[in-house]
Amino acid sequence: MKRYAFAIVVVALAGLGMSSRGQTATALPAGFVQLKEVAPTVRQDMRYATTFNFTGKRLPGYEAADCILWRPAAEALARAEARFAAQGFHLKVYDCYRPARAVRAFLAWSRMPDQDTRKSVFYPDLDKRWLFALGYIATRSKHSLGIAIDVGLVRAEEANQPTPTDAGRCDGPFEMRARESSLDFGTAYDCFSKVSETLHPAISLQARANRNRLLRILKDEGFANYFREWWHFEFRSSAAPDKAYDFLVR
C-alpha cells in the first residue's frame, strides 16, 4: 500500500509542476521555448541577468541567465545557427525575451542622477537622460514579445568568454573593449554610440565584413535589423505576439 501511496503523491506533485524532490518546474507561456532546447550550440551571455550592463545592476525579472523566445523566432534562429556553423561560426546571444518590468526599470534608471557606474563603458559621451529620445532604449520593447534578439558571432573554435566585469569604452580600440568575441564588430555590445549604427562608415573593413555576415544570414531567416544597433534583430511574422509579457526568466 505504501508503494501505491507514494505513486499517488508523485502524480499529484507532477500535476502541480513539481517533482517528488520538491523542485518546481518552470512553465513558459504557450508558444515560448528556451533557446537551448532548439539551438543548443548558440552561445549565451545574458547580460541583464548580470551586473555588467549599462545600468550596473541585475535587471528585475531575470532570475536566470537563459534565452527564451517565441518558438518560431527560436526555430528561425536555429536555422541561422546551422548556416553559421557550416561557415565556422556560432551565434552568441546577449538578450532575448525581456520581461516588461525590466523595460520599466530602464526608464526608472534613466531618471536617477546618481547611478552612472557604467557610463565610461557603455555611454561615455552621452547623458543617460537622452538615451530614450535618441532611440537607444525603447519604452516598449519587441524583446518583451519574445521576437527580438541581441546577438553577435564568435569563431566556432574559440572558447567561451566569461561575462566581463569591466572594460574600456565600448567604441574604443578593439583591444580595450569588453572581451565578447575574437571578431571585431566595430563596437562592443550595447554601445550607445553613433558607431553602433549598422551601416556607420567609421569602422574597419573587417568589422564591416563581420556585420554584413551577421546581417545577411539573419535577414534570410526572417529577421530585420534595427539600424542604430548592429546587434539588434526582430523576427517578422504576422502571427507574432502583439502584447508585452512580464513572466520571469528562471
Protein backbone atom coordinates (compact mmCIF):
# COMPACT_ATOMS: atom_id res chain seq x y z
CA MET A 1 0.00 0.00 0.00
CA LYS A 2 2.85 2.40 0.77
CA ARG A 3 4.20 1.96 -2.77
CA TYR A 4 0.83 2.95 -4.27
CA ALA A 5 0.51 5.91 -1.90
CA PHE A 6 3.94 7.16 -2.97
CA ALA A 7 2.96 6.86 -6.63
CA ILE A 8 -0.16 8.93 -5.99
CA VAL A 9 1.94 11.65 -4.34
CA VAL A 10 4.32 11.74 -7.32
CA VAL A 11 1.43 12.09 -9.77
CA ALA A 12 -0.12 14.84 -7.67
CA LEU A 13 3.15 16.76 -7.50
CA ALA A 14 3.61 16.40 -11.23
CA GLY A 15 0.18 17.93 -11.73
CA LEU A 16 1.35 20.94 -9.73
CA GLY A 17 4.50 21.28 -11.82
CA MET A 18 6.72 19.74 -9.13
CA SER A 19 8.90 16.68 -8.85
CA SER A 20 8.97 14.24 -5.94
CA ARG A 21 12.11 16.07 -4.73
CA GLY A 22 10.17 19.29 -4.29
CA GLN A 23 11.66 21.09 -7.32
CA THR A 24 9.34 23.45 -9.14
CA ALA A 25 9.27 23.05 -12.90
CA THR A 26 9.37 26.28 -14.92
CA ALA A 27 6.31 26.65 -17.12
CA LEU A 28 6.58 29.04 -20.06
CA PRO A 29 3.59 30.68 -21.74
CA ALA A 30 2.18 28.79 -24.69
CA GLY A 31 4.34 29.23 -27.75
CA PHE A 32 7.55 30.11 -25.89
CA VAL A 33 10.66 27.95 -25.62
CA GLN A 34 14.14 28.00 -24.15
CA LEU A 35 16.60 28.56 -27.00
CA LYS A 36 18.92 25.85 -25.66
CA GLU A 37 16.22 23.29 -26.41
CA VAL A 38 16.06 24.34 -30.07
CA ALA A 39 19.60 25.56 -30.78
CA PRO A 40 21.98 24.24 -28.10
CA THR A 41 25.15 25.40 -29.89
CA VAL A 42 24.23 29.08 -29.73
CA ARG A 43 26.43 30.73 -27.09
CA GLN A 44 24.66 32.67 -24.35
CA ASP A 45 25.90 35.63 -22.32
CA MET A 46 22.69 37.11 -20.95
CA ARG A 47 23.90 40.48 -19.75
CA TYR A 48 20.80 41.73 -17.93
CA ALA A 49 21.00 38.76 -15.59
CA THR A 50 24.40 40.15 -14.53
CA THR A 51 25.72 43.49 -13.31
CA PHE A 52 27.80 44.06 -16.45
CA ASN A 53 25.28 46.14 -18.37
CA PHE A 54 24.67 49.85 -18.79
CA THR A 55 22.65 50.12 -15.54
CA GLY A 56 25.33 48.42 -13.44
CA LYS A 57 22.70 46.19 -11.82
CA ARG A 58 20.96 42.92 -12.49
CA LEU A 59 17.58 43.76 -14.02
CA PRO A 60 14.29 42.75 -12.37
CA GLY A 61 12.69 39.72 -13.98
CA TYR A 62 15.99 37.98 -14.75
CA GLU A 63 16.29 35.24 -12.14
CA ALA A 64 18.38 33.13 -14.52
CA ALA A 65 20.71 33.76 -17.45
CA ASP A 66 18.61 31.98 -20.06
CA CYS A 67 17.47 32.91 -23.57
CA ILE A 68 13.72 32.45 -24.04
CA LEU A 69 11.94 33.20 -27.31
CA TRP A 70 8.68 32.77 -29.16
CA ARG A 71 9.12 29.36 -30.75
CA PRO A 72 9.03 30.41 -34.44
CA ALA A 73 11.72 33.02 -33.70
CA ALA A 74 13.82 30.40 -31.89
CA GLU A 75 13.44 27.97 -34.79
CA ALA A 76 14.45 30.65 -37.30
CA LEU A 77 17.49 31.42 -35.16
CA ALA A 78 18.35 27.71 -35.11
CA ARG A 79 18.31 27.67 -38.91
CA ALA A 80 20.62 30.66 -38.97
CA GLU A 81 22.92 28.99 -36.44
CA ALA A 82 23.21 25.92 -38.67
CA ARG A 83 24.28 28.10 -41.58
CA PHE A 84 26.83 29.97 -39.47
CA ALA A 85 28.19 26.70 -38.07
CA ALA A 86 28.78 25.47 -41.62
CA GLN A 87 30.99 28.54 -42.10
CA GLY A 88 32.91 28.04 -38.85
CA PHE A 89 30.99 30.39 -36.55
CA HIS A 90 28.42 30.31 -33.77
CA LEU A 91 25.83 32.88 -32.81
CA LYS A 92 26.12 34.46 -29.37
CA VAL A 93 23.02 35.99 -27.75
CA TYR A 94 23.15 38.77 -25.18
CA ASP A 95 19.41 39.25 -24.65
CA CYS A 96 16.24 37.55 -25.88
CA TYR A 97 12.83 37.75 -24.20
CA ARG A 98 12.88 40.69 -21.80
CA PRO A 99 10.26 40.97 -19.02
CA ALA A 100 8.25 44.19 -19.20
CA ARG A 101 9.35 45.02 -15.66
CA ALA A 102 12.94 45.23 -16.89
CA VAL A 103 11.90 47.78 -19.52
CA ARG A 104 10.24 49.84 -16.80
CA ALA A 105 13.42 49.55 -14.74
CA PHE A 106 15.37 51.09 -17.64
CA LEU A 107 13.11 54.13 -17.56
CA ALA A 108 13.40 54.47 -13.79
CA TRP A 109 17.19 54.18 -14.02
CA SER A 110 17.38 56.92 -16.65
CA ARG A 111 15.78 59.32 -14.18
CA MET A 112 18.19 58.57 -11.33
CA PRO A 113 21.09 61.04 -11.48
CA ASP A 114 23.41 59.11 -9.18
CA GLN A 115 23.57 55.71 -10.91
CA ASP A 116 26.14 56.12 -13.67
CA THR A 117 28.63 53.45 -12.60
CA ARG A 118 28.92 52.05 -16.17
CA LYS A 119 28.88 55.35 -18.07
CA SER A 120 32.55 55.17 -19.07
CA VAL A 121 31.93 51.77 -20.70
CA PHE A 122 28.51 51.95 -22.36
CA TYR A 123 27.63 55.63 -22.94
CA PRO A 124 30.82 57.68 -22.38
CA ASP A 125 29.72 60.71 -24.43
CA LEU A 126 26.03 60.84 -23.57
CA ASP A 127 23.77 61.89 -20.72
CA LYS A 128 21.63 58.88 -19.88
CA ARG A 129 18.52 61.08 -19.73
CA TRP A 130 18.69 61.26 -23.54
CA LEU A 131 19.04 57.54 -24.26
CA PHE A 132 15.31 57.05 -24.85
CA ALA A 133 14.95 60.16 -27.03
CA LEU A 134 17.97 59.11 -29.10
CA GLY A 135 16.45 55.70 -29.78
CA TYR A 136 18.90 53.56 -27.84
CA ILE A 137 16.28 52.33 -25.36
CA ALA A 138 12.54 51.94 -26.00
CA THR A 139 9.66 52.39 -23.58
CA ARG A 140 8.01 49.42 -25.33
CA SER A 141 10.37 46.70 -26.44
CA LYS A 142 9.93 43.94 -29.02
CA HIS A 143 12.06 41.88 -26.65
CA SER A 144 9.01 41.68 -24.36
CA LEU A 145 7.09 39.99 -27.20
CA GLY A 146 9.72 37.26 -27.41
CA ILE A 147 10.62 38.08 -31.02
CA ALA A 148 13.75 40.26 -30.61
CA ILE A 149 17.32 39.21 -30.02
CA ASP A 150 20.59 40.97 -29.29
CA VAL A 151 23.21 38.83 -30.98
CA GLY A 152 26.76 38.61 -32.24
CA LEU A 153 29.12 35.98 -33.65
CA VAL A 154 32.11 34.04 -32.38
CA ARG A 155 34.50 31.70 -34.11
CA ALA A 156 33.49 28.08 -33.58
CA GLU A 157 36.90 27.09 -32.24
CA GLU A 158 37.22 29.88 -29.67
CA ALA A 159 36.48 29.13 -26.02
CA ASN A 160 33.51 30.61 -24.23
CA GLN A 161 34.31 34.04 -22.88
CA PRO A 162 33.06 34.71 -19.33
CA THR A 163 30.88 37.76 -18.79
CA PRO A 164 33.23 40.73 -18.45
CA THR A 165 33.46 42.58 -15.16
CA ASP A 166 34.92 45.80 -16.58
CA ALA A 167 36.18 47.26 -19.85
CA GLY A 168 37.23 50.39 -21.67
CA ARG A 169 34.80 52.48 -23.65
CA CYS A 170 32.61 50.41 -25.93
CA ASP A 171 33.54 52.29 -29.10
CA GLY A 172 37.25 52.49 -28.34
CA PRO A 173 40.04 50.33 -29.74
CA PHE A 174 39.16 46.64 -30.07
CA GLU A 175 41.83 45.58 -27.58
CA MET A 176 40.36 47.86 -24.89
CA ARG A 177 36.70 46.86 -25.27
CA ALA A 178 34.78 44.17 -23.40
CA ARG A 179 36.01 40.67 -24.34
CA GLU A 180 33.00 39.22 -26.15
CA SER A 181 34.43 37.57 -29.26
CA SER A 182 37.66 37.37 -31.20
CA LEU A 183 35.68 39.01 -34.02
CA ASP A 184 35.60 42.80 -34.25
CA PHE A 185 32.18 44.36 -34.89
CA GLY A 186 33.29 47.97 -34.62
CA THR A 187 31.89 48.40 -31.09
CA ALA A 188 31.08 46.20 -28.14
CA TYR A 189 27.53 45.04 -27.46
CA ASP A 190 25.06 47.61 -26.05
CA CYS A 191 27.26 50.51 -27.03
CA PHE A 192 25.31 53.78 -27.05
CA SER A 193 27.34 55.43 -29.79
CA LYS A 194 26.79 56.52 -33.39
CA VAL A 195 29.44 53.98 -34.37
CA SER A 196 26.99 51.22 -33.37
CA GLU A 197 24.76 52.09 -36.33
CA THR A 198 24.84 49.05 -38.59
CA LEU A 199 26.00 50.96 -41.68
CA HIS A 200 28.22 53.50 -39.94
CA PRO A 201 31.21 54.22 -42.18
CA ALA A 202 33.82 54.72 -39.44
CA ILE A 203 34.62 51.06 -38.83
CA SER A 204 37.31 48.79 -40.20
CA LEU A 205 36.84 46.63 -43.29
CA GLN A 206 36.95 43.53 -41.08
CA ALA A 207 34.27 44.90 -38.75
CA ARG A 208 32.14 45.75 -41.81
CA ALA A 209 32.55 42.20 -43.11
CA ASN A 210 31.51 40.76 -39.73
CA ARG A 211 28.43 42.96 -39.52
CA ASN A 212 27.47 42.07 -43.09
CA ARG A 213 27.87 38.34 -42.42
CA LEU A 214 25.57 38.58 -39.41
CA LEU A 215 23.06 40.75 -41.24
CA ARG A 216 22.90 38.67 -44.40
CA ILE A 217 22.05 35.29 -42.87
CA LEU A 218 19.69 36.61 -40.21
CA LYS A 219 17.82 38.60 -42.85
CA ASP A 220 17.49 35.45 -44.97
CA GLU A 221 15.87 33.70 -42.00
CA GLY A 222 13.25 36.39 -41.41
CA PHE A 223 14.97 38.83 -39.02
CA ALA A 224 15.07 42.59 -39.52
CA ASN A 225 17.89 44.68 -38.09
CA TYR A 226 17.45 47.90 -36.10
CA PHE A 227 19.65 50.43 -37.91
CA ARG A 228 21.02 52.05 -34.74
CA GLU A 229 22.32 48.77 -33.30
CA TRP A 230 24.22 46.20 -35.35
CA TRP A 231 23.33 43.54 -32.74
CA HIS A 232 19.54 44.01 -32.53
CA PHE A 233 17.23 41.91 -34.73
CA GLU A 234 13.47 41.31 -34.73
CA PHE A 235 11.75 38.28 -36.21
CA ARG A 236 8.98 39.33 -38.58
CA SER A 237 5.78 37.28 -38.68
CA SER A 238 2.11 38.19 -38.98
CA ALA A 239 1.40 35.61 -36.26
CA ALA A 240 3.85 37.10 -33.75
CA PRO A 241 2.63 38.10 -30.27
CA ASP A 242 1.35 41.65 -30.02
CA LYS A 243 1.29 42.16 -26.26
CA ALA A 244 4.18 42.58 -23.85
CA TYR A 245 4.86 39.68 -21.49
CA ASP A 246 6.18 40.00 -17.94
CA PHE A 247 6.84 36.43 -16.82
CA LEU A 248 10.10 35.75 -15.01
CA VAL A 249 13.21 34.33 -16.67
CA ARG A 250 14.09 31.48 -14.33
